[in-house]
Structures are given as structure tokens and as C-alpha cells.
N, C-alpha and C. Protein backbone atom coordinates (compact mmCIF):
# COMPACT_ATOMS: atom_id res chain seq x y z
N UNK A 1 -133.35 -25.54 -27.73
CA UNK A 1 -132.04 -25.69 -27.73
C UNK A 1 -131.38 -25.87 -29.17
N UNK A 2 -130.54 -25.12 -29.92
CA UNK A 2 -130.04 -25.15 -31.10
C UNK A 2 -128.51 -25.54 -30.91
N UNK A 3 -127.94 -26.14 -32.28
CA UNK A 3 -126.68 -26.45 -32.65
C UNK A 3 -126.59 -26.08 -33.91
N UNK A 4 -125.01 -25.80 -34.04
CA UNK A 4 -124.25 -25.25 -35.28
C UNK A 4 -123.42 -26.36 -35.70
N UNK A 5 -122.92 -25.73 -37.18
CA UNK A 5 -121.60 -27.15 -37.11
C UNK A 5 -121.01 -25.86 -38.12
N UNK A 6 -119.88 -25.63 -37.46
CA UNK A 6 -118.65 -24.65 -37.78
C UNK A 6 -118.02 -25.40 -38.74
N UNK A 7 -117.67 -25.34 -40.19
CA UNK A 7 -116.50 -25.49 -40.89
C UNK A 7 -115.73 -24.64 -41.26
N UNK A 8 -114.84 -25.07 -40.96
CA UNK A 8 -113.48 -23.75 -41.32
C UNK A 8 -112.47 -24.10 -42.29
N UNK A 9 -112.08 -23.32 -43.17
CA UNK A 9 -110.76 -23.78 -44.16
C UNK A 9 -109.83 -22.86 -43.53
N UNK A 10 -108.73 -23.22 -42.78
CA UNK A 10 -107.81 -22.67 -42.15
C UNK A 10 -106.88 -22.14 -42.88
N UNK A 11 -105.67 -21.12 -42.70
CA UNK A 11 -105.23 -20.64 -43.45
C UNK A 11 -103.84 -20.88 -42.45
N UNK A 12 -103.71 -21.83 -42.88
CA UNK A 12 -102.59 -22.59 -42.08
C UNK A 12 -101.01 -21.56 -41.88
N UNK A 13 -100.86 -21.41 -41.01
CA UNK A 13 -99.64 -20.56 -40.26
C UNK A 13 -98.25 -21.57 -40.33
N UNK A 14 -97.15 -20.76 -40.57
CA UNK A 14 -95.95 -21.99 -40.41
C UNK A 14 -96.02 -22.41 -38.43
N UNK A 15 -95.97 -24.16 -38.83
CA UNK A 15 -95.66 -24.54 -37.90
C UNK A 15 -97.14 -24.65 -36.86
N UNK A 16 -98.15 -24.29 -37.51
CA UNK A 16 -99.60 -24.44 -37.08
C UNK A 16 -99.94 -26.12 -36.46
N UNK A 17 -99.95 -26.46 -35.48
CA UNK A 17 -100.78 -27.56 -34.90
C UNK A 17 -102.02 -27.56 -34.66
N UNK A 18 -102.81 -26.25 -34.22
CA UNK A 18 -104.39 -26.29 -34.21
C UNK A 18 -105.30 -25.10 -34.27
N UNK A 19 -106.22 -25.23 -33.84
CA UNK A 19 -107.00 -23.50 -33.98
C UNK A 19 -108.16 -23.90 -32.42
N UNK A 20 -107.92 -22.62 -32.08
CA UNK A 20 -108.86 -22.63 -30.96
C UNK A 20 -110.26 -21.60 -31.07
N UNK A 21 -111.23 -21.80 -30.77
CA UNK A 21 -112.44 -21.25 -31.07
C UNK A 21 -113.05 -20.41 -30.12
N UNK A 22 -113.87 -19.73 -30.31
CA UNK A 22 -114.48 -18.88 -28.62
C UNK A 22 -115.73 -18.07 -29.44
N UNK A 23 -116.71 -18.11 -28.56
CA UNK A 23 -118.01 -18.00 -29.08
C UNK A 23 -119.01 -17.29 -28.02
N UNK A 24 -119.55 -16.56 -28.26
CA UNK A 24 -120.75 -15.89 -26.81
C UNK A 24 -121.94 -15.43 -27.32
N UNK A 25 -123.03 -15.13 -26.83
CA UNK A 25 -124.14 -14.40 -27.17
C UNK A 25 -123.21 -12.92 -27.39
N UNK A 26 -123.78 -12.13 -28.69
CA UNK A 26 -123.13 -10.89 -29.11
C UNK A 26 -123.71 -9.73 -28.68
N UNK A 27 -124.05 -10.35 -27.02
CA UNK A 27 -124.82 -8.77 -26.26
C UNK A 27 -123.74 -8.15 -25.71
N UNK A 28 -122.62 -8.35 -25.67
CA UNK A 28 -121.48 -7.84 -24.98
C UNK A 28 -120.78 -8.13 -23.35
N UNK A 29 -121.87 -8.84 -22.80
CA UNK A 29 -121.80 -9.22 -21.58
C UNK A 29 -121.61 -10.73 -21.05
N UNK A 30 -121.84 -11.39 -22.23
CA UNK A 30 -121.77 -13.19 -21.99
C UNK A 30 -120.15 -13.47 -22.19
N UNK A 31 -119.94 -14.33 -21.20
CA UNK A 31 -118.88 -14.98 -21.09
C UNK A 31 -118.50 -15.58 -22.41
N UNK A 32 -117.00 -15.50 -22.52
CA UNK A 32 -116.83 -16.41 -23.87
C UNK A 32 -116.71 -17.79 -23.41
N UNK A 33 -117.26 -18.91 -24.19
CA UNK A 33 -116.69 -20.52 -24.38
C UNK A 33 -115.86 -20.83 -25.31
N UNK A 34 -115.09 -21.65 -25.01
CA UNK A 34 -113.89 -22.09 -25.68
C UNK A 34 -113.86 -23.46 -26.14
N UNK A 35 -113.41 -23.45 -27.31
CA UNK A 35 -112.73 -25.27 -27.65
C UNK A 35 -111.84 -25.29 -28.54
N UNK A 36 -110.65 -26.04 -28.90
CA UNK A 36 -109.70 -26.38 -29.21
C UNK A 36 -110.06 -27.65 -30.51
N UNK A 37 -109.80 -27.30 -31.82
CA UNK A 37 -109.85 -28.12 -32.92
C UNK A 37 -108.22 -28.21 -33.77
N UNK A 38 -108.82 -29.78 -34.30
CA UNK A 38 -107.21 -29.34 -35.24
C UNK A 38 -107.54 -29.73 -36.76
N UNK A 39 -106.31 -29.41 -37.23
CA UNK A 39 -105.98 -28.75 -38.45
C UNK A 39 -106.63 -29.88 -39.87
N UNK A 40 -106.49 -30.85 -39.42
CA UNK A 40 -107.02 -32.48 -39.81
C UNK A 40 -108.61 -32.68 -40.01
N UNK A 41 -108.75 -31.98 -38.99
CA UNK A 41 -110.57 -31.86 -38.83
C UNK A 41 -111.00 -30.22 -38.19
N UNK A 42 -111.07 -29.78 -38.85
CA UNK A 42 -111.53 -28.53 -39.18
C UNK A 42 -113.01 -28.28 -38.96
N UNK A 43 -113.69 -29.04 -37.99
CA UNK A 43 -115.34 -28.62 -37.85
C UNK A 43 -115.53 -28.11 -36.18
N UNK A 44 -116.45 -27.96 -36.08
CA UNK A 44 -116.88 -28.17 -34.43
C UNK A 44 -117.96 -27.56 -34.35
N UNK A 45 -118.96 -28.58 -33.47
CA UNK A 45 -120.12 -28.41 -33.37
C UNK A 45 -120.77 -26.96 -31.85
N UNK A 46 -121.43 -26.12 -32.08
CA UNK A 46 -121.67 -25.52 -30.70
C UNK A 46 -122.97 -25.79 -30.77
N UNK A 47 -123.17 -26.01 -29.30
CA UNK A 47 -124.73 -27.02 -29.26
C UNK A 47 -125.17 -26.06 -27.61
N UNK A 48 -126.14 -26.00 -27.33
CA UNK A 48 -127.10 -25.73 -26.26
C UNK A 48 -127.32 -24.21 -26.34
N UNK A 49 -127.23 -23.89 -27.75
CA UNK A 49 -127.37 -22.39 -28.29
C UNK A 49 -128.89 -21.86 -28.35
N UNK A 50 -129.00 -20.98 -27.68
CA UNK A 50 -130.53 -20.36 -27.53
C UNK A 50 -131.42 -19.85 -28.82
N UNK A 51 -132.88 -19.93 -28.91
CA UNK A 51 -133.29 -19.27 -30.22
C UNK A 51 -133.24 -17.84 -30.47
N UNK A 52 -132.92 -17.64 -31.46
CA UNK A 52 -133.86 -16.13 -31.83
C UNK A 52 -132.48 -15.18 -30.92
N UNK A 53 -130.98 -16.02 -31.18
CA UNK A 53 -130.09 -15.23 -30.73
C UNK A 53 -129.06 -15.06 -31.12
N UNK A 54 -128.39 -13.96 -31.27
CA UNK A 54 -126.96 -13.74 -32.32
C UNK A 54 -125.71 -13.72 -31.39
N UNK A 55 -125.18 -14.79 -32.19
CA UNK A 55 -123.71 -14.76 -31.41
C UNK A 55 -122.28 -14.31 -32.22
N UNK A 56 -121.37 -14.19 -31.27
CA UNK A 56 -120.11 -14.24 -32.08
C UNK A 56 -119.29 -14.77 -32.09
N UNK A 57 -118.08 -15.00 -33.07
CA UNK A 57 -117.45 -16.38 -33.15
C UNK A 57 -116.11 -15.55 -33.26
N UNK A 58 -115.07 -16.13 -33.12
CA UNK A 58 -113.60 -15.89 -33.20
C UNK A 58 -112.65 -17.32 -33.45
N UNK A 59 -111.80 -17.03 -34.12
CA UNK A 59 -110.75 -18.14 -34.01
C UNK A 59 -109.35 -17.65 -34.06
N UNK A 60 -108.51 -18.69 -33.62
CA UNK A 60 -106.93 -18.02 -33.29
C UNK A 60 -106.00 -19.44 -33.81
N UNK A 61 -105.11 -19.34 -33.99
CA UNK A 61 -104.23 -20.56 -34.35
C UNK A 61 -103.32 -20.81 -33.29
N UNK A 62 -103.04 -21.85 -32.94
CA UNK A 62 -102.10 -22.23 -32.12
C UNK A 62 -101.03 -23.19 -32.66
N UNK A 63 -99.65 -22.60 -32.49
CA UNK A 63 -98.54 -23.07 -33.15
C UNK A 63 -97.90 -23.78 -32.08
N UNK A 64 -98.04 -23.65 -31.11
CA UNK A 64 -97.14 -24.70 -30.43
C UNK A 64 -97.92 -25.00 -28.80
N UNK A 65 -97.17 -25.71 -27.62
CA UNK A 65 -98.09 -25.52 -26.27
C UNK A 65 -98.34 -23.99 -25.74
N UNK A 66 -97.57 -22.81 -26.27
CA UNK A 66 -97.47 -21.93 -25.28
C UNK A 66 -97.46 -20.64 -26.31
N UNK A 67 -97.34 -21.19 -27.84
CA UNK A 67 -97.43 -19.84 -28.62
C UNK A 67 -98.60 -19.75 -29.17
N UNK A 68 -99.55 -18.58 -29.61
CA UNK A 68 -100.83 -18.40 -30.08
C UNK A 68 -100.88 -17.22 -31.10
N UNK A 69 -101.72 -17.36 -32.05
CA UNK A 69 -101.51 -16.20 -32.64
C UNK A 69 -102.75 -15.17 -32.34
N UNK A 70 -103.17 -14.21 -33.17
CA UNK A 70 -103.90 -13.14 -32.36
C UNK A 70 -105.26 -13.71 -32.89
N UNK A 71 -106.83 -12.89 -32.05
CA UNK A 71 -107.37 -13.47 -32.47
C UNK A 71 -107.83 -13.14 -33.42
N UNK A 72 -109.04 -13.83 -34.56
CA UNK A 72 -109.78 -13.17 -35.82
C UNK A 72 -110.47 -11.82 -35.37
N UNK A 73 -110.78 -11.55 -36.24
CA UNK A 73 -112.14 -10.29 -36.02
C UNK A 73 -113.01 -11.41 -35.84
N UNK A 74 -114.15 -10.63 -35.77
CA UNK A 74 -115.68 -11.47 -35.27
C UNK A 74 -115.96 -11.86 -36.41
N UNK A 75 -117.11 -12.87 -36.63
CA UNK A 75 -118.07 -13.18 -37.30
C UNK A 75 -119.05 -13.40 -36.61
N UNK A 76 -120.57 -13.23 -36.65
CA UNK A 76 -121.46 -13.24 -36.33
C UNK A 76 -122.80 -14.59 -37.12
N UNK A 77 -123.55 -15.04 -36.51
CA UNK A 77 -124.45 -15.09 -36.69
C UNK A 77 -125.87 -15.57 -35.65
N UNK A 78 -127.00 -15.71 -36.04
CA UNK A 78 -128.32 -15.95 -35.73
C UNK A 78 -128.82 -16.74 -35.46
N UNK A 79 -130.09 -17.51 -34.56
CA UNK A 79 -130.35 -18.93 -34.12
C UNK A 79 -131.34 -18.15 -34.75
N UNK A 80 -132.13 -19.32 -35.18
CA UNK A 80 -133.50 -19.13 -35.81
C UNK A 80 -134.61 -18.95 -34.64
N UNK A 81 -135.98 -18.03 -34.62
CA UNK A 81 -137.02 -18.38 -33.55
C UNK A 81 -137.62 -19.67 -33.43
């Protein structure tokens, strides 16, 4: 199994309190896994990744308990064989 550490440089929106992250295998059929991270520590470790697999990741600003921004465009990475 593989893991990767993602480090974000968030473009802080007014009143943004944290960010959400979601990721999945980029096969178009996998379910999203999600996580939340703070703006003061914008890193997140994705664990239990499969070898030689392409993943899709998106982030989203959270401005309050009920107010969320749109999900970002996807970015992709592939784990090593």
C-alpha cells in the first residue's frame, strides 16, 4: 500500500474557516473518500492507496458550518508500480 502527502496553498476566500478534500480512483466508478483540513495546517496524508493506480482529487472551501464553495477542477496523480 502507498500513501501520499498533499500540501495545499489555499486561496483563502472571505470567511473561509477550513477546506474539504475528496479523492477516488480515476476509473469513474469508485466512490469518493473525503477529509477536512484546516487553513493553518493545509496538509493531508492519503493512505491505503493502491500501486500503479491513477487517482482524482478535488478541494472545496468551507466558509461556515453550512456554507461551502464549489469543488475545484480535478487534479490527478498516479502511484508507482
